[in-house]
């Protein structure tokens, strides 16, 4: 029986919020299963509750278990397939690029692949360029694939629930700087002398139980201003809000900040509305700056015929291992402020 107190919002960490959404989805639908590397350990709470028939470990072979996820989805299940790091999706990319996302089109909508691929992403903790990539631009370029990147616990839960309920494949990316478990695992004792710039507003917050689904493809207005629009996802949203506060205090600039929440489908209406109002758009994108999200946002502005100036703060190349070099490459509050001032001049 559900008690009234269970319906009250709870303060949860980012990863806990996503886990709660998976648990509630598994409560409601016996077709929802979870599998991936070390999942019985990482999701041991789910294992205890739902058993090894619905929470399964796999060999270290992304191509094998991503392919198994597509097959399970075609057979009527709703799998949540976990990849530890999104960098490793390259090993099994064919399952998404050539199979899951083509299924509905090639079958005339008779077949679907309601598959969620859950993976960590992002840098800022010293693990170098094979473990800290974002890659949402690469994945967002695949037709038929939705890519969601929540920035706070409430959205982490809501987007996870929406992803599991979707009839089409979704990649769900959680930034490691927002997840206490992943940060401890990837950047814990072996880096005890290193501090991490973790946005507190993203790492923990109030989450409804059961969570409310967040519509995939719907951006959120976090701050409204008149001089400049900054759009971002994940940790970049918090960096953008901090930069907006500095720009207001130090330079008298009023900044709109939009959390896209979804890389694809992109909320083009929110982008166009804000760009029309401010006439300047800055994209803060931890992914690679070339041929990715930042260029897509610029295209949205240009194709709408708006007289708006567009700038971007992104990652230009491979992420270095040395922390000082890594900090210089990834988007930061300082880089956002600097580029914002350039746009406004």
C-alpha atoms as a PDB file:
ATOM      1  CA  UNK A   1       0.000   0.000   0.000  1.00  0.00           C
ATOM      2  CA  UNK A   2       1.262   3.499  -0.869  1.00  0.00           C
ATOM      3  CA  UNK A   3       1.259   5.800   2.148  1.00  0.00           C
ATOM      4  CA  UNK A   4       0.425   9.492   1.798  1.00  0.00           C
ATOM      5  CA  UNK A   5       3.933  10.376   2.956  1.00  0.00           C
ATOM      6  CA  UNK A   6       5.369   8.440   0.009  1.00  0.00           C
ATOM      7  CA  UNK A   7       3.818  10.968  -2.351  1.00  0.00           C
ATOM      8  CA  UNK A   8       5.673  13.918  -0.835  1.00  0.00           C
ATOM      9  CA  UNK A   9       8.784  15.232  -2.621  1.00  0.00           C
ATOM     10  CA  UNK A  10      12.010  13.733  -1.338  1.00  0.00           C
ATOM     11  CA  UNK A  11      15.496  15.246  -1.363  1.00  0.00           C
ATOM     12  CA  UNK A  12      17.587  12.944  -3.514  1.00  0.00           C
ATOM     13  CA  UNK A  13      20.921  12.941  -5.264  1.00  0.00           C
ATOM     14  CA  UNK A  14      21.027  13.026  -9.055  1.00  0.00           C
ATOM     15  CA  UNK A  15      21.740   9.326  -9.492  1.00  0.00           C
ATOM     16  CA  UNK A  16      19.252   8.381  -6.788  1.00  0.00           C
ATOM     17  CA  UNK A  17      16.544  10.309  -8.645  1.00  0.00           C
ATOM     18  CA  UNK A  18      17.194   8.426 -11.878  1.00  0.00           C
ATOM     19  CA  UNK A  19      17.203   5.139  -9.951  1.00  0.00           C
ATOM     20  CA  UNK A  20      13.878   6.037  -8.337  1.00  0.00           C
ATOM     21  CA  UNK A  21      12.320   6.539 -11.763  1.00  0.00           C
ATOM     22  CA  UNK A  22      13.604   3.142 -12.929  1.00  0.00           C
ATOM     23  CA  UNK A  23      12.259   1.509  -9.771  1.00  0.00           C
ATOM     24  CA  UNK A  24       8.810   3.058 -10.161  1.00  0.00           C
ATOM     25  CA  UNK A  25       8.721   2.062 -13.835  1.00  0.00           C
ATOM     26  CA  UNK A  26       9.601  -1.516 -12.860  1.00  0.00           C
ATOM     27  CA  UNK A  27       6.879  -1.438 -10.192  1.00  0.00           C
ATOM     28  CA  UNK A  28       4.308  -0.399 -12.789  1.00  0.00           C
ATOM     29  CA  UNK A  29       5.371  -2.535 -15.745  1.00  0.00           C
ATOM     30  CA  UNK A  30       6.830  -6.070 -15.525  1.00  0.00           C
ATOM     31  CA  UNK A  31       8.255  -5.662 -19.041  1.00  0.00           C
ATOM     32  CA  UNK A  32      10.890  -3.192 -17.768  1.00  0.00           C
ATOM     33  CA  UNK A  33      14.238  -4.913 -17.208  1.00  0.00           C
ATOM     34  CA  UNK A  34      17.742  -3.600 -16.517  1.00  0.00           C
ATOM     35  CA  UNK A  35      21.021  -5.070 -17.664  1.00  0.00           C
ATOM     36  CA  UNK A  36      24.642  -4.153 -18.322  1.00  0.00           C
ATOM     37  CA  UNK A  37      28.146  -4.441 -16.904  1.00  0.00           C
ATOM     38  CA  UNK A  38      28.180  -4.780 -13.096  1.00  0.00           C
ATOM     39  CA  UNK A  39      24.482  -3.855 -12.939  1.00  0.00           C
ATOM     40  CA  UNK A  40      23.749  -6.334 -10.097  1.00  0.00           C
ATOM     41  CA  UNK A  41      26.321  -4.427  -8.022  1.00  0.00           C
ATOM     42  CA  UNK A  42      25.571  -0.890  -9.173  1.00  0.00           C
ATOM     43  CA  UNK A  43      21.793  -1.392  -8.974  1.00  0.00           C
ATOM     44  CA  UNK A  44      21.793  -3.850  -6.072  1.00  0.00           C
ATOM     45  CA  UNK A  45      18.683  -2.210  -4.578  1.00  0.00           C
ATOM     46  CA  UNK A  46      16.800  -3.117  -7.755  1.00  0.00           C
ATOM     47  CA  UNK A  47      18.313  -6.611  -7.725  1.00  0.00           C
ATOM     48  CA  UNK A  48      17.090  -7.236  -4.180  1.00  0.00           C
ATOM     49  CA  UNK A  49      13.612  -5.970  -4.993  1.00  0.00           C
ATOM     50  CA  UNK A  50      13.044  -7.437  -8.460  1.00  0.00           C
ATOM     51  CA  UNK A  51      15.428 -10.380  -8.594  1.00  0.00           C
ATOM     52  CA  UNK A  52      17.990 -11.655 -11.126  1.00  0.00           C
ATOM     53  CA  UNK A  53      15.331 -12.259 -13.776  1.00  0.00           C
ATOM     54  CA  UNK A  54      14.875  -8.490 -14.244  1.00  0.00           C
ATOM     55  CA  UNK A  55      18.260  -7.108 -13.115  1.00  0.00           C
ATOM     56  CA  UNK A  56      21.037  -8.833 -15.009  1.00  0.00           C
ATOM     57  CA  UNK A  57      24.791  -8.530 -15.336  1.00  0.00           C
ATOM     58  CA  UNK A  58      26.472  -8.909 -18.708  1.00  0.00           C
ATOM     59  CA  UNK A  59      29.944  -9.662 -20.063  1.00  0.00           C
ATOM     60  CA  UNK A  60      32.132  -6.689 -20.964  1.00  0.00           C
ATOM     61  CA  UNK A  61      30.916  -6.539 -24.557  1.00  0.00           C
ATOM     62  CA  UNK A  62      28.892  -3.462 -25.448  1.00  0.00           C
ATOM     63  CA  UNK A  63      28.211  -4.722 -28.955  1.00  0.00           C
ATOM     64  CA  UNK A  64      26.704  -7.917 -27.505  1.00  0.00           C
ATOM     65  CA  UNK A  65      24.454  -6.445 -24.856  1.00  0.00           C
ATOM     66  CA  UNK A  66      23.353  -3.415 -26.898  1.00  0.00           C
ATOM     67  CA  UNK A  67      22.338  -5.841 -29.614  1.00  0.00           C
ATOM     68  CA  UNK A  68      20.565  -7.946 -26.992  1.00  0.00           C
ATOM     69  CA  UNK A  69      18.740  -4.805 -25.887  1.00  0.00           C
ATOM     70  CA  UNK A  70      17.388  -4.242 -29.386  1.00  0.00           C
ATOM     71  CA  UNK A  71      16.249  -7.853 -29.578  1.00  0.00           C
ATOM     72  CA  UNK A  72      14.607  -7.676 -26.148  1.00  0.00           C
ATOM     73  CA  UNK A  73      12.741  -4.519 -27.162  1.00  0.00           C
ATOM     74  CA  UNK A  74      11.535  -6.151 -30.388  1.00  0.00           C
ATOM     75  CA  UNK A  75      10.337  -9.148 -28.362  1.00  0.00           C
ATOM     76  CA  UNK A  76       8.072  -6.957 -26.213  1.00  0.00           C
ATOM     77  CA  UNK A  77      10.258  -6.013 -23.251  1.00  0.00           C
ATOM     78  CA  UNK A  78      11.285  -2.469 -22.294  1.00  0.00           C
ATOM     79  CA  UNK A  79      14.986  -2.788 -21.485  1.00  0.00           C
ATOM     80  CA  UNK A  80      17.172  -0.204 -19.766  1.00  0.00           C
ATOM     81  CA  UNK A  81      20.667  -1.065 -20.986  1.00  0.00           C
ATOM     82  CA  UNK A  82      23.525   0.431 -18.978  1.00  0.00           C
ATOM     83  CA  UNK A  83      26.881   1.419 -20.426  1.00  0.00           C
ATOM     84  CA  UNK A  84      29.308   2.657 -17.800  1.00  0.00           C
ATOM     85  CA  UNK A  85      30.749   5.416 -19.961  1.00  0.00           C
ATOM     86  CA  UNK A  86      29.214   6.853 -23.101  1.00  0.00           C
ATOM     87  CA  UNK A  87      32.675   6.683 -24.694  1.00  0.00           C
ATOM     88  CA  UNK A  88      32.164   2.919 -24.952  1.00  0.00           C
ATOM     89  CA  UNK A  89      28.976   3.257 -26.993  1.00  0.00           C
ATOM     90  CA  UNK A  90      31.293   3.339 -30.002  1.00  0.00           C
ATOM     91  CA  UNK A  91      31.924  -0.375 -29.506  1.00  0.00           C
ATOM     92  CA  UNK A  92      28.257  -1.224 -30.033  1.00  0.00           C
ATOM     93  CA  UNK A  93      27.106   1.756 -32.099  1.00  0.00           C
ATOM     94  CA  UNK A  94      25.692  -0.374 -34.899  1.00  0.00           C
ATOM     95  CA  UNK A  95      22.880  -1.501 -32.610  1.00  0.00           C
ATOM     96  CA  UNK A  96      21.677   2.092 -32.434  1.00  0.00           C
ATOM     97  CA  UNK A  97      22.768   3.483 -35.795  1.00  0.00           C
ATOM     98  CA  UNK A  98      21.707   0.575 -38.007  1.00  0.00           C
ATOM     99  CA  UNK A  99      19.166  -1.403 -36.016  1.00  0.00           C
ATOM    100  CA  UNK A 100      17.077   0.215 -33.258  1.00  0.00           C
ATOM    101  CA  UNK A 101      16.568   3.558 -34.985  1.00  0.00           C
ATOM    102  CA  UNK A 102      15.750   2.079 -38.404  1.00  0.00           C
ATOM    103  CA  UNK A 103      13.264  -0.481 -37.166  1.00  0.00           C
ATOM    104  CA  UNK A 104      10.066   1.583 -37.254  1.00  0.00           C
ATOM    105  CA  UNK A 105      10.814   3.129 -40.663  1.00  0.00           C
ATOM    106  CA  UNK A 106      11.806  -0.105 -42.362  1.00  0.00           C
ATOM    107  CA  UNK A 107       8.810  -1.967 -40.909  1.00  0.00           C
ATOM    108  CA  UNK A 108       6.245   0.696 -41.730  1.00  0.00           C
ATOM    109  CA  UNK A 109       5.791   1.390 -37.992  1.00  0.00           C
ATOM    110  CA  UNK A 110       4.822  -2.223 -37.326  1.00  0.00           C
ATOM    111  CA  UNK A 111       7.906  -2.774 -35.134  1.00  0.00           C
ATOM    112  CA  UNK A 112       9.326  -0.553 -32.417  1.00  0.00           C
ATOM    113  CA  UNK A 113      12.381  -0.588 -30.203  1.00  0.00           C
ATOM    114  CA  UNK A 114      11.406   0.904 -26.825  1.00  0.00           C
ATOM    115  CA  UNK A 115      14.986   0.808 -25.605  1.00  0.00           C
ATOM    116  CA  UNK A 116      16.748   3.083 -23.109  1.00  0.00           C
ATOM    117  CA  UNK A 117      20.538   3.271 -23.144  1.00  0.00           C
ATOM    118  CA  UNK A 118      21.716   4.749 -19.850  1.00  0.00           C
ATOM    119  CA  UNK A 119      25.298   6.003 -19.717  1.00  0.00           C
ATOM    120  CA  UNK A 120      27.476   8.448 -17.848  1.00  0.00           C
ATOM    121  CA  UNK A 121      29.175  11.300 -19.676  1.00  0.00           C
ATOM    122  CA  UNK A 122      31.286  14.381 -19.151  1.00  0.00           C
ATOM    123  CA  UNK A 123      34.599  15.449 -17.676  1.00  0.00           C
ATOM    124  CA  UNK A 124      36.024  17.662 -14.998  1.00  0.00           C
ATOM    125  CA  UNK A 125      37.423  14.976 -12.713  1.00  0.00           C
ATOM    126  CA  UNK A 126      40.672  13.949 -14.420  1.00  0.00           C
ATOM    127  CA  UNK A 127      40.006  10.799 -16.423  1.00  0.00           C
ATOM    128  CA  UNK A 128      41.152  11.962 -19.884  1.00  0.00           C
ATOM    129  CA  UNK A 129      39.691  11.846 -23.353  1.00  0.00           C
ATOM    130  CA  UNK A 130      38.686   8.169 -23.593  1.00  0.00           C
ATOM    131  CA  UNK A 131      36.491   8.360 -20.488  1.00  0.00           C
ATOM    132  CA  UNK A 132      35.199  11.938 -20.267  1.00  0.00           C
ATOM    133  CA  UNK A 133      33.534  12.683 -23.582  1.00  0.00           C
ATOM    134  CA  UNK A 134      29.967  13.973 -23.896  1.00  0.00           C
ATOM    135  CA  UNK A 135      29.155  12.617 -27.396  1.00  0.00           C
ATOM    136  CA  UNK A 136      25.539  13.813 -27.375  1.00  0.00           C
ATOM    137  CA  UNK A 137      26.206  15.582 -30.669  1.00  0.00           C
ATOM    138  CA  UNK A 138      27.382  12.355 -32.294  1.00  0.00           C
ATOM    139  CA  UNK A 139      24.366  10.450 -30.987  1.00  0.00           C
ATOM    140  CA  UNK A 140      21.963  13.286 -31.712  1.00  0.00           C
ATOM    141  CA  UNK A 141      22.869  13.051 -35.393  1.00  0.00           C
ATOM    142  CA  UNK A 142      21.300   9.591 -35.660  1.00  0.00           C
ATOM    143  CA  UNK A 143      17.750   9.866 -37.100  1.00  0.00           C
ATOM    144  CA  UNK A 144      15.132   8.291 -34.864  1.00  0.00           C
ATOM    145  CA  UNK A 145      17.210   8.447 -31.681  1.00  0.00           C
ATOM    146  CA  UNK A 146      16.266  10.733 -28.800  1.00  0.00           C
ATOM    147  CA  UNK A 147      19.083  11.983 -26.568  1.00  0.00           C
ATOM    148  CA  UNK A 148      18.300  13.454 -23.142  1.00  0.00           C
ATOM    149  CA  UNK A 149      20.767  15.168 -20.787  1.00  0.00           C
ATOM    150  CA  UNK A 150      19.183  16.221 -17.469  1.00  0.00           C
ATOM    151  CA  UNK A 151      20.809  18.878 -15.286  1.00  0.00           C
ATOM    152  CA  UNK A 152      19.100  18.309 -11.906  1.00  0.00           C
ATOM    153  CA  UNK A 153      17.524  15.479  -9.898  1.00  0.00           C
ATOM    154  CA  UNK A 154      13.891  16.328 -10.683  1.00  0.00           C
ATOM    155  CA  UNK A 155      14.598  16.274 -14.414  1.00  0.00           C
ATOM    156  CA  UNK A 156      16.817  13.198 -13.979  1.00  0.00           C
ATOM    157  CA  UNK A 157      13.808  11.312 -12.649  1.00  0.00           C
ATOM    158  CA  UNK A 158      11.262  12.836 -15.023  1.00  0.00           C
ATOM    159  CA  UNK A 159      13.293  12.301 -18.174  1.00  0.00           C
ATOM    160  CA  UNK A 160      14.155   8.739 -17.177  1.00  0.00           C
ATOM    161  CA  UNK A 161      10.495   7.924 -16.713  1.00  0.00           C
ATOM    162  CA  UNK A 162       9.627   9.518 -20.054  1.00  0.00           C
ATOM    163  CA  UNK A 163      12.464   7.615 -21.742  1.00  0.00           C
ATOM    164  CA  UNK A 164      11.235   4.265 -20.418  1.00  0.00           C
ATOM    165  CA  UNK A 165       7.687   5.065 -21.540  1.00  0.00           C
ATOM    166  CA  UNK A 166       8.816   6.076 -25.051  1.00  0.00           C
ATOM    167  CA  UNK A 167       8.081   3.704 -27.930  1.00  0.00           C
ATOM    168  CA  UNK A 168      11.359   4.665 -29.605  1.00  0.00           C
ATOM    169  CA  UNK A 169      15.008   4.334 -28.533  1.00  0.00           C
ATOM    170  CA  UNK A 170      16.377   6.932 -26.124  1.00  0.00           C
ATOM    171  CA  UNK A 171      19.928   7.571 -24.922  1.00  0.00           C
ATOM    172  CA  UNK A 172      19.900   8.878 -21.356  1.00  0.00           C
ATOM    173  CA  UNK A 173      23.102  10.667 -20.336  1.00  0.00           C
ATOM    174  CA  UNK A 174      24.000  11.550 -16.745  1.00  0.00           C
ATOM    175  CA  UNK A 175      26.969  13.798 -16.095  1.00  0.00           C
ATOM    176  CA  UNK A 176      29.396  12.243 -13.643  1.00  0.00           C
ATOM    177  CA  UNK A 177      29.958  15.529 -11.775  1.00  0.00           C
ATOM    178  CA  UNK A 178      26.288  15.409 -10.770  1.00  0.00           C
ATOM    179  CA  UNK A 179      26.261  11.764  -9.645  1.00  0.00           C
ATOM    180  CA  UNK A 180      27.839  11.084  -6.262  1.00  0.00           C
ATOM    181  CA  UNK A 181      28.156   7.355  -6.944  1.00  0.00           C
ATOM    182  CA  UNK A 182      29.919   7.757 -10.275  1.00  0.00           C
ATOM    183  CA  UNK A 183      32.130  10.568  -9.024  1.00  0.00           C
ATOM    184  CA  UNK A 184      33.211   8.429  -6.085  1.00  0.00           C
ATOM    185  CA  UNK A 185      33.833   5.445  -8.351  1.00  0.00           C
ATOM    186  CA  UNK A 186      35.646   7.319 -11.107  1.00  0.00           C
ATOM    187  CA  UNK A 187      37.206  10.160  -9.150  1.00  0.00           C
ATOM    188  CA  UNK A 188      37.298   8.923  -5.572  1.00  0.00           C
ATOM    189  CA  UNK A 189      40.149   7.831  -3.324  1.00  0.00           C
ATOM    190  CA  UNK A 190      42.753   7.652  -6.072  1.00  0.00           C
ATOM    191  CA  UNK A 191      42.245  11.415  -6.545  1.00  0.00           C
ATOM    192  CA  UNK A 192      41.816  12.329  -2.881  1.00  0.00           C
ATOM    193  CA  UNK A 193      43.936  15.452  -3.275  1.00  0.00           C
ATOM    194  CA  UNK A 194      41.839  16.820  -6.151  1.00  0.00           C
ATOM    195  CA  UNK A 195      38.724  18.936  -5.774  1.00  0.00           C
ATOM    196  CA  UNK A 196      35.871  18.785  -8.270  1.00  0.00           C
ATOM    197  CA  UNK A 197      33.668  21.716  -9.262  1.00  0.00           C
ATOM    198  CA  UNK A 198      30.323  20.032  -8.590  1.00  0.00           C
ATOM    199  CA  UNK A 199      27.211  22.228  -9.047  1.00  0.00           C
ATOM    200  CA  UNK A 200      25.280  21.778  -5.785  1.00  0.00           C
ATOM    201  CA  UNK A 201      21.934  22.657  -7.387  1.00  0.00           C
ATOM    202  CA  UNK A 202      22.351  19.767  -9.811  1.00  0.00           C
ATOM    203  CA  UNK A 203      23.786  17.185  -7.440  1.00  0.00           C
ATOM    204  CA  UNK A 204      20.802  17.087  -5.048  1.00  0.00           C
ATOM    205  CA  UNK A 205      17.250  18.388  -4.940  1.00  0.00           C
ATOM    206  CA  UNK A 206      13.573  17.672  -4.340  1.00  0.00           C
ATOM    207  CA  UNK A 207      12.037  14.894  -6.424  1.00  0.00           C
ATOM    208  CA  UNK A 208       8.400  13.817  -6.531  1.00  0.00           C
ATOM    209  CA  UNK A 209       7.686  10.180  -5.665  1.00  0.00           C
ATOM    210  CA  UNK A 210       6.423   8.851  -7.962  1.00  0.00           C
ATOM    211  CA  UNK A 211       8.190  11.190 -10.391  1.00  0.00           C
ATOM    212  CA  UNK A 212       6.333  13.191 -12.990  1.00  0.00           C
ATOM    213  CA  UNK A 213       7.478  12.464 -16.572  1.00  0.00           C
ATOM    214  CA  UNK A 214       9.286  15.367 -18.257  1.00  0.00           C
ATOM    215  CA  UNK A 215       8.318  15.655 -21.950  1.00  0.00           C
ATOM    216  CA  UNK A 216      11.174  14.702 -24.245  1.00  0.00           C
ATOM    217  CA  UNK A 217      11.966  17.651 -26.516  1.00  0.00           C
ATOM    218  CA  UNK A 218      10.789  20.388 -24.137  1.00  0.00           C
ATOM    219  CA  UNK A 219      13.348  22.942 -22.918  1.00  0.00           C
ATOM    220  CA  UNK A 220      13.108  24.820 -19.605  1.00  0.00           C
ATOM    221  CA  UNK A 221      13.550  28.554 -19.072  1.00  0.00           C
ATOM    222  CA  UNK A 222      15.841  28.857 -16.046  1.00  0.00           C
ATOM    223  CA  UNK A 223      16.416  32.608 -16.119  1.00  0.00           C
ATOM    224  CA  UNK A 224      14.967  35.399 -18.245  1.00  0.00           C
ATOM    225  CA  UNK A 225      16.939  38.413 -19.509  1.00  0.00           C
ATOM    226  CA  UNK A 226      17.024  40.971 -22.288  1.00  0.00           C
ATOM    227  CA  UNK A 227      20.643  41.205 -23.520  1.00  0.00           C
ATOM    228  CA  UNK A 228      21.832  37.661 -24.203  1.00  0.00           C
ATOM    229  CA  UNK A 229      20.528  34.075 -24.426  1.00  0.00           C
ATOM    230  CA  UNK A 230      22.675  31.186 -23.190  1.00  0.00           C
ATOM    231  CA  UNK A 231      21.572  27.633 -23.989  1.00  0.00           C
ATOM    232  CA  UNK A 232      23.110  24.480 -22.581  1.00  0.00           C
ATOM    233  CA  UNK A 233      22.538  21.011 -21.125  1.00  0.00           C
ATOM    234  CA  UNK A 234      23.772  19.082 -18.084  1.00  0.00           C
ATOM    235  CA  UNK A 235      26.496  20.680 -16.000  1.00  0.00           C
ATOM    236  CA  UNK A 236      26.726  23.481 -18.578  1.00  0.00           C
ATOM    237  CA  UNK A 237      23.378  24.814 -17.361  1.00  0.00           C
ATOM    238  CA  UNK A 238      24.807  25.446 -13.899  1.00  0.00           C
ATOM    239  CA  UNK A 239      27.962  27.016 -15.302  1.00  0.00           C
ATOM    240  CA  UNK A 240      25.741  29.249 -17.460  1.00  0.00           C
ATOM    241  CA  UNK A 241      23.615  30.348 -14.490  1.00  0.00           C
ATOM    242  CA  UNK A 242      26.732  31.193 -12.491  1.00  0.00           C
ATOM    243  CA  UNK A 243      28.097  33.179 -15.431  1.00  0.00           C
ATOM    244  CA  UNK A 244      24.770  35.000 -15.836  1.00  0.00           C
ATOM    245  CA  UNK A 245      24.910  36.070 -12.201  1.00  0.00           C
ATOM    246  CA  UNK A 246      28.419  37.447 -12.674  1.00  0.00           C
ATOM    247  CA  UNK A 247      27.486  39.236 -15.879  1.00  0.00           C
ATOM    248  CA  UNK A 248      24.594  40.901 -14.076  1.00  0.00           C
ATOM    249  CA  UNK A 249      26.605  42.002 -11.053  1.00  0.00           C
ATOM    250  CA  UNK A 250      29.849  42.968 -12.775  1.00  0.00           C
ATOM    251  CA  UNK A 251      28.646  44.184 -16.178  1.00  0.00           C
ATOM    252  CA  UNK A 252      24.960  44.996 -15.848  1.00  0.00           C
ATOM    253  CA  UNK A 253      24.043  42.439 -18.505  1.00  0.00           C
ATOM    254  CA  UNK A 254      20.678  40.690 -18.291  1.00  0.00           C
ATOM    255  CA  UNK A 255      20.927  37.056 -19.439  1.00  0.00           C
ATOM    256  CA  UNK A 256      18.380  34.427 -20.404  1.00  0.00           C
ATOM    257  CA  UNK A 257      19.467  30.854 -19.582  1.00  0.00           C
ATOM    258  CA  UNK A 258      17.736  27.906 -21.234  1.00  0.00           C
ATOM    259  CA  UNK A 259      18.180  24.281 -20.197  1.00  0.00           C
ATOM    260  CA  UNK A 260      17.536  22.354 -23.398  1.00  0.00           C
ATOM    261  CA  UNK A 261      17.216  19.086 -21.424  1.00  0.00           C
ATOM    262  CA  UNK A 262      16.985  17.233 -24.741  1.00  0.00           C
ATOM    263  CA  UNK A 263      19.597  17.342 -27.496  1.00  0.00           C
ATOM    264  CA  UNK A 264      17.242  15.630 -29.909  1.00  0.00           C
ATOM    265  CA  UNK A 265      14.482  16.354 -30.532  1.00  0.00           C
ATOM    266  CA  UNK A 266      15.618  19.934 -30.058  1.00  0.00           C
ATOM    267  CA  UNK A 267      13.165  22.523 -28.751  1.00  0.00           C
ATOM    268  CA  UNK A 268      13.600  24.894 -31.684  1.00  0.00           C
ATOM    269  CA  UNK A 269      10.683  27.043 -30.600  1.00  0.00           C
ATOM    270  CA  UNK A 270      12.307  27.923 -27.273  1.00  0.00           C
ATOM    271  CA  UNK A 271      15.541  28.810 -29.053  1.00  0.00           C
ATOM    272  CA  UNK A 272      13.843  31.004 -31.640  1.00  0.00           C
ATOM    273  CA  UNK A 273      11.722  32.820 -29.044  1.00  0.00           C
ATOM    274  CA  UNK A 274      14.697  33.680 -26.867  1.00  0.00           C
ATOM    275  CA  UNK A 275      16.918  34.603 -29.819  1.00  0.00           C
ATOM    276  CA  UNK A 276      14.256  36.962 -31.147  1.00  0.00           C
ATOM    277  CA  UNK A 277      14.075  38.716 -27.786  1.00  0.00           C
ATOM    278  CA  UNK A 278      17.794  39.127 -27.038  1.00  0.00           C
ATOM    279  CA  UNK A 279      19.407  39.116 -30.490  1.00  0.00           C
ATOM    280  CA  UNK A 280      22.427  37.181 -29.141  1.00  0.00           C
ATOM    281  CA  UNK A 281      22.750  33.440 -28.529  1.00  0.00           C
ATOM    282  CA  UNK A 282      25.627  31.669 -26.823  1.00  0.00           C
ATOM    283  CA  UNK A 283      25.736  27.863 -26.848  1.00  0.00           C
ATOM    284  CA  UNK A 284      27.595  26.283 -23.936  1.00  0.00           C
ATOM    285  CA  UNK A 285      28.363  22.741 -25.033  1.00  0.00           C
ATOM    286  CA  UNK A 286      30.763  20.334 -23.316  1.00  0.00           C
ATOM    287  CA  UNK A 287      30.703  18.185 -26.435  1.00  0.00           C
ATOM    288  CA  UNK A 288      32.972  18.797 -29.407  1.00  0.00           C
ATOM    289  CA  UNK A 289      32.399  22.240 -30.846  1.00  0.00           C
ATOM    290  CA  UNK A 290      32.518  21.142 -34.496  1.00  0.00           C
ATOM    291  CA  UNK A 291      29.553  19.408 -36.208  1.00  0.00           C
ATOM    292  CA  UNK A 292      27.479  19.092 -33.052  1.00  0.00           C
ATOM    293  CA  UNK A 293      24.870  20.726 -30.834  1.00  0.00           C
ATOM    294  CA  UNK A 294      26.317  24.235 -31.065  1.00  0.00           C
ATOM    295  CA  UNK A 295      26.211  24.213 -34.853  1.00  0.00           C
ATOM    296  CA  UNK A 296      22.659  22.846 -34.807  1.00  0.00           C
ATOM    297  CA  UNK A 297      21.477  25.682 -32.555  1.00  0.00           C
ATOM    298  CA  UNK A 298      23.163  28.186 -34.868  1.00  0.00           C
ATOM    299  CA  UNK A 299      21.359  26.603 -37.826  1.00  0.00           C
ATOM    300  CA  UNK A 300      18.008  26.931 -36.022  1.00  0.00           C
ATOM    301  CA  UNK A 301      18.627  30.667 -35.591  1.00  0.00           C
ATOM    302  CA  UNK A 302      19.845  31.148 -39.175  1.00  0.00           C
ATOM    303  CA  UNK A 303      17.075  29.151 -40.827  1.00  0.00           C
ATOM    304  CA  UNK A 304      14.482  31.158 -38.915  1.00  0.00           C
ATOM    305  CA  UNK A 305      15.871  34.289 -40.576  1.00  0.00           C
ATOM    306  CA  UNK A 306      16.619  35.924 -37.233  1.00  0.00           C
ATOM    307  CA  UNK A 307      19.042  38.826 -37.010  1.00  0.00           C
ATOM    308  CA  UNK A 308      20.848  37.266 -34.058  1.00  0.00           C
ATOM    309  CA  UNK A 309      24.551  36.860 -33.370  1.00  0.00           C
ATOM    310  CA  UNK A 310      25.611  33.355 -32.326  1.00  0.00           C
ATOM    311  CA  UNK A 311      28.662  32.311 -30.321  1.00  0.00           C
ATOM    312  CA  UNK A 312      29.738  29.066 -28.718  1.00  0.00           C
ATOM    313  CA  UNK A 313      31.833  27.712 -25.891  1.00  0.00           C
ATOM    314  CA  UNK A 314      32.693  24.059 -26.420  1.00  0.00           C
ATOM    315  CA  UNK A 315      35.419  21.440 -26.421  1.00  0.00           C
ATOM    316  CA  UNK A 316      37.748  21.870 -29.395  1.00  0.00           C
ATOM    317  CA  UNK A 317      39.640  18.566 -29.305  1.00  0.00           C
ATOM    318  CA  UNK A 318      40.617  15.531 -27.256  1.00  0.00           C
ATOM    319  CA  UNK A 319      40.377  16.140 -23.511  1.00  0.00           C
ATOM    320  CA  UNK A 320      43.846  16.110 -21.891  1.00  0.00           C
ATOM    321  CA  UNK A 321      44.636  14.008 -18.831  1.00  0.00           C
ATOM    322  CA  UNK A 322      46.471  16.748 -16.888  1.00  0.00           C
ATOM    323  CA  UNK A 323      43.928  18.563 -14.737  1.00  0.00           C
ATOM    324  CA  UNK A 324      45.185  22.066 -15.578  1.00  0.00           C
ATOM    325  CA  UNK A 325      44.939  21.336 -19.299  1.00  0.00           C
ATOM    326  CA  UNK A 326      41.571  19.646 -18.868  1.00  0.00           C
ATOM    327  CA  UNK A 327      40.199  22.696 -17.035  1.00  0.00           C
ATOM    328  CA  UNK A 328      41.381  24.927 -19.861  1.00  0.00           C
ATOM    329  CA  UNK A 329      39.667  22.819 -22.541  1.00  0.00           C
ATOM    330  CA  UNK A 330      36.242  22.243 -20.968  1.00  0.00           C
ATOM    331  CA  UNK A 331      33.612  25.009 -20.758  1.00  0.00           C
ATOM    332  CA  UNK A 332      33.939  27.035 -17.550  1.00  0.00           C
ATOM    333  CA  UNK A 333      32.239  30.028 -15.973  1.00  0.00           C
ATOM    334  CA  UNK A 334      35.222  32.169 -16.977  1.00  0.00           C
ATOM    335  CA  UNK A 335      35.036  31.099 -20.627  1.00  0.00           C
ATOM    336  CA  UNK A 336      31.281  31.699 -20.696  1.00  0.00           C
ATOM    337  CA  UNK A 337      31.664  35.189 -19.235  1.00  0.00           C
ATOM    338  CA  UNK A 338      34.460  36.031 -21.664  1.00  0.00           C
ATOM    339  CA  UNK A 339      32.538  34.887 -24.739  1.00  0.00           C
ATOM    340  CA  UNK A 340      29.345  36.582 -23.518  1.00  0.00           C
ATOM    341  CA  UNK A 341      31.140  39.903 -23.273  1.00  0.00           C
ATOM    342  CA  UNK A 342      32.512  39.443 -26.798  1.00  0.00           C
ATOM    343  CA  UNK A 343      29.001  38.837 -28.127  1.00  0.00           C
ATOM    344  CA  UNK A 344      27.568  41.848 -26.317  1.00  0.00           C
ATOM    345  CA  UNK A 345      30.284  44.175 -27.617  1.00  0.00           C
END
